[in-house]
C-alpha atoms as a PDB file:
ATOM      1  CA  MET A   1    -121.456 187.766  67.049  1.00  0.00           C
ATOM      2  CA  THR A   2    -117.778 188.676  66.525  1.00  0.00           C
ATOM      3  CA  GLU A   3    -114.741 187.948  68.669  1.00  0.00           C
ATOM      4  CA  TYR A   4    -111.930 190.448  68.145  1.00  0.00           C
ATOM      5  CA  GLU A   5    -108.638 191.694  69.581  1.00  0.00           C
ATOM      6  CA  SER A   6    -107.750 195.360  69.781  1.00  0.00           C
ATOM      7  CA  ASP A   7    -105.049 197.681  71.063  1.00  0.00           C
ATOM      8  CA  ASP A   8    -106.754 200.807  69.689  1.00  0.00           C
ATOM      9  CA  ARG A   9    -106.110 203.547  72.269  1.00  0.00           C
ATOM     10  CA  GLU A  10    -108.590 206.007  70.695  1.00  0.00           C
ATOM     11  CA  GLY A  11    -111.334 203.750  69.327  1.00  0.00           C
ATOM     12  CA  PRO A  12    -113.807 204.787  66.653  1.00  0.00           C
ATOM     13  CA  PRO A  13    -115.425 208.218  66.849  1.00  0.00           C
ATOM     14  CA  ALA A  14    -118.492 208.298  69.077  1.00  0.00           C
ATOM     15  CA  HIS A  15    -121.492 207.237  67.007  1.00  0.00           C
ATOM     16  CA  THR A  16    -125.106 206.084  67.173  1.00  0.00           C
ATOM     17  CA  HIS A  17    -127.053 203.505  65.202  1.00  0.00           C
ATOM     18  CA  LEU A  18    -130.370 201.687  65.076  1.00  0.00           C
ATOM     19  CA  TRP A  19    -129.304 198.429  66.768  1.00  0.00           C
ATOM     20  CA  ASP A  20    -128.199 197.396  70.246  1.00  0.00           C
ATOM     21  CA  GLU A  21    -124.716 196.048  70.871  1.00  0.00           C
ATOM     22  CA  VAL A  22    -123.406 194.046  73.798  1.00  0.00           C
ATOM     23  CA  GLU A  23    -119.641 193.903  74.425  1.00  0.00           C
ATOM     24  CA  TYR A  24    -118.128 191.194  76.628  1.00  0.00           C
ATOM     25  CA  VAL A  25    -114.513 191.602  77.774  1.00  0.00           C
ATOM     26  CA  ILE A  26    -112.748 188.230  77.518  1.00  0.00           C
ATOM     27  CA  ASP A  27    -109.181 189.387  78.296  1.00  0.00           C
ATOM     28  CA  GLY A  28    -107.565 192.742  79.059  1.00  0.00           C
ATOM     29  CA  THR A  29    -109.208 196.069  79.819  1.00  0.00           C
ATOM     30  CA  ALA A  30    -111.644 198.109  77.728  1.00  0.00           C
ATOM     31  CA  GLU A  31    -113.237 201.500  78.243  1.00  0.00           C
ATOM     32  CA  PHE A  32    -116.725 202.124  76.880  1.00  0.00           C
ATOM     33  CA  LEU A  33    -118.084 205.600  76.101  1.00  0.00           C
ATOM     34  CA  ILE A  34    -121.836 205.805  76.617  1.00  0.00           C
ATOM     35  CA  ASP A  35    -123.546 209.177  76.180  1.00  0.00           C
ATOM     36  CA  GLY A  36    -120.446 211.123  77.234  1.00  0.00           C
ATOM     37  CA  GLU A  37    -119.276 208.960  80.146  1.00  0.00           C
ATOM     38  CA  TRP A  38    -116.376 206.465  80.033  1.00  0.00           C
ATOM     39  CA  VAL A  39    -116.907 203.156  81.873  1.00  0.00           C
ATOM     40  CA  ARG A  40    -113.931 200.832  82.472  1.00  0.00           C
ATOM     41  CA  GLY A  41    -114.248 197.044  82.417  1.00  0.00           C
ATOM     42  CA  GLY A  42    -112.003 194.012  82.739  1.00  0.00           C
ATOM     43  CA  PRO A  43    -112.452 190.288  82.099  1.00  0.00           C
ATOM     44  CA  GLY A  44    -116.058 189.243  82.609  1.00  0.00           C
ATOM     45  CA  THR A  45    -117.508 192.729  82.073  1.00  0.00           C
ATOM     46  CA  VAL A  46    -120.688 192.845  79.994  1.00  0.00           C
ATOM     47  CA  GLN A  47    -121.555 196.280  78.599  1.00  0.00           C
ATOM     48  CA  LEU A  48    -124.803 197.153  76.816  1.00  0.00           C
ATOM     49  CA  LEU A  49    -124.508 199.841  74.150  1.00  0.00           C
ATOM     50  CA  PRO A  50    -128.182 200.627  73.456  1.00  0.00           C
ATOM     51  CA  ALA A  51    -129.561 201.674  70.100  1.00  0.00           C
ATOM     52  CA  GLY A  52    -129.489 205.451  69.794  1.00  0.00           C
ATOM     53  CA  ALA A  53    -126.850 205.997  72.511  1.00  0.00           C
ATOM     54  CA  ALA A  54    -123.658 207.757  71.395  1.00  0.00           C
ATOM     55  CA  HIS A  55    -120.872 205.287  72.123  1.00  0.00           C
ATOM     56  CA  SER A  56    -117.323 204.108  71.418  1.00  0.00           C
ATOM     57  CA  VAL A  57    -114.819 201.624  72.852  1.00  0.00           C
ATOM     58  CA  ARG A  58    -111.087 202.017  73.417  1.00  0.00           C
ATOM     59  CA  ILE A  59    -108.334 199.905  74.918  1.00  0.00           C
ATOM     60  CA  PRO A  60    -106.385 201.959  77.503  1.00  0.00           C
ATOM     61  CA  GLU A  61    -103.394 199.599  77.761  1.00  0.00           C
ATOM     62  CA  GLY A  62    -102.051 196.435  76.211  1.00  0.00           C
ATOM     63  CA  THR A  63    -104.353 194.343  74.061  1.00  0.00           C
ATOM     64  CA  ALA A  64    -107.884 193.259  74.870  1.00  0.00           C
ATOM     65  CA  ARG A  65    -110.008 190.458  73.475  1.00  0.00           C
ATOM     66  CA  LEU A  66    -113.735 191.137  73.282  1.00  0.00           C
ATOM     67  CA  LEU A  67    -116.917 189.531  72.057  1.00  0.00           C
ATOM     68  CA  LEU A  68    -119.320 191.852  70.216  1.00  0.00           C
ATOM     69  CA  VAL A  69    -122.956 190.823  69.887  1.00  0.00           C
ATOM     70  CA  THR A  70    -125.222 192.929  67.674  1.00  0.00           C
ATOM     71  CA  ILE A  71    -128.968 192.796  68.159  1.00  0.00           C
ATOM     72  CA  GLY A  72    -131.179 193.904  65.295  1.00  0.00           C
ATOM     73  CA  ALA A  73    -131.413 193.259  61.569  1.00  0.00           C
ATOM     74  CA  PRO A  74    -130.045 196.646  60.369  1.00  0.00           C
ATOM     75  CA  TYR A  75    -126.517 195.572  61.363  1.00  0.00           C
ATOM     76  CA  ASP A  76    -126.467 192.707  58.842  1.00  0.00           C
ATOM     77  CA  GLY A  77    -126.565 195.021  55.821  1.00  0.00           C
ATOM     78  CA  PHE A  78    -123.955 197.302  57.378  1.00  0.00           C
ATOM     79  CA  ALA A  79    -121.585 194.374  57.984  1.00  0.00           C
ATOM     80  CA  ARG A  80    -121.968 193.196  54.365  1.00  0.00           C
ATOM     81  CA  ASP A  81    -121.335 196.735  53.106  1.00  0.00           C
ATOM     82  CA  LEU A  82    -118.187 197.066  55.260  1.00  0.00           C
ATOM     83  CA  ALA A  83    -116.901 193.733  53.941  1.00  0.00           C
ATOM     84  CA  ARG A  84    -117.341 194.973  50.352  1.00  0.00           C
ATOM     85  CA  VAL A  85    -115.477 198.200  51.181  1.00  0.00           C
ATOM     86  CA  ALA A  86    -112.606 196.201  52.722  1.00  0.00           C
ATOM     87  CA  ASP A  87    -112.477 193.760  49.781  1.00  0.00           C
ATOM     88  CA  GLN A  88    -112.214 196.702  47.375  1.00  0.00           C
ATOM     89  CA  GLY A  89    -109.465 198.388  49.406  1.00  0.00           C
ATOM     90  CA  GLY A  90    -111.702 201.295  50.410  1.00  0.00           C
ATOM     91  CA  GLY A  91    -110.847 203.744  53.164  1.00  0.00           C
ATOM     92  CA  GLY A  92    -112.380 206.280  55.508  1.00  0.00           C
ATOM     93  CA  ALA A  93    -114.705 208.027  53.057  1.00  0.00           C
ATOM     94  CA  GLU A  94    -116.197 204.730  51.879  1.00  0.00           C
ATOM     95  CA  ILE A  95    -116.636 203.536  55.465  1.00  0.00           C
ATOM     96  CA  VAL A  96    -118.431 206.767  56.436  1.00  0.00           C
ATOM     97  CA  ALA A  97    -120.681 206.478  53.354  1.00  0.00           C
ATOM     98  CA  ALA A  98    -121.537 202.861  54.230  1.00  0.00           C
ATOM     99  CA  ALA A  99    -122.275 203.900  57.799  1.00  0.00           C
ATOM    100  CA  ARG A 100    -124.678 206.624  56.687  1.00  0.00           C
ATOM    101  CA  ARG A 101    -126.512 204.229  54.349  1.00  0.00           C
ATOM    102  CA  HIS A 102    -127.268 202.030  57.346  1.00  0.00           C
ATOM    103  CA  GLY A 103    -128.298 204.649  59.905  1.00  0.00           C
ATOM    104  CA  VAL A 104    -124.940 205.075  61.664  1.00  0.00           C
ATOM    105  CA  GLU A 105    -124.369 208.706  62.647  1.00  0.00           C
ATOM    106  CA  LEU A 106    -121.121 210.112  64.001  1.00  0.00           C
ATOM    107  CA  ALA A 107    -121.771 211.882  67.305  1.00  0.00           C
END
């Protein structure tokens, strides 16, 4: 479970992975891409991003605060790998490599 703030207007590229995610909008507005369709949500919105579904999240205006819950063991190794990349000052190529090692595919 991770609480985060974002003002990212584009969000990450659409991607799939082996675990479910649930996003809860605490403050602000978020838009969720699920299999090609954008869904908008404000405070109190709960959005399931199922395993295998191409998805992304972006913040259309201002800043939003969200709670991300991941469901499934594969995410744990991915999170540890991303932390190592960040600690070593790695960038995009290292992030993509870590993603591939853990079953994350860019859509």
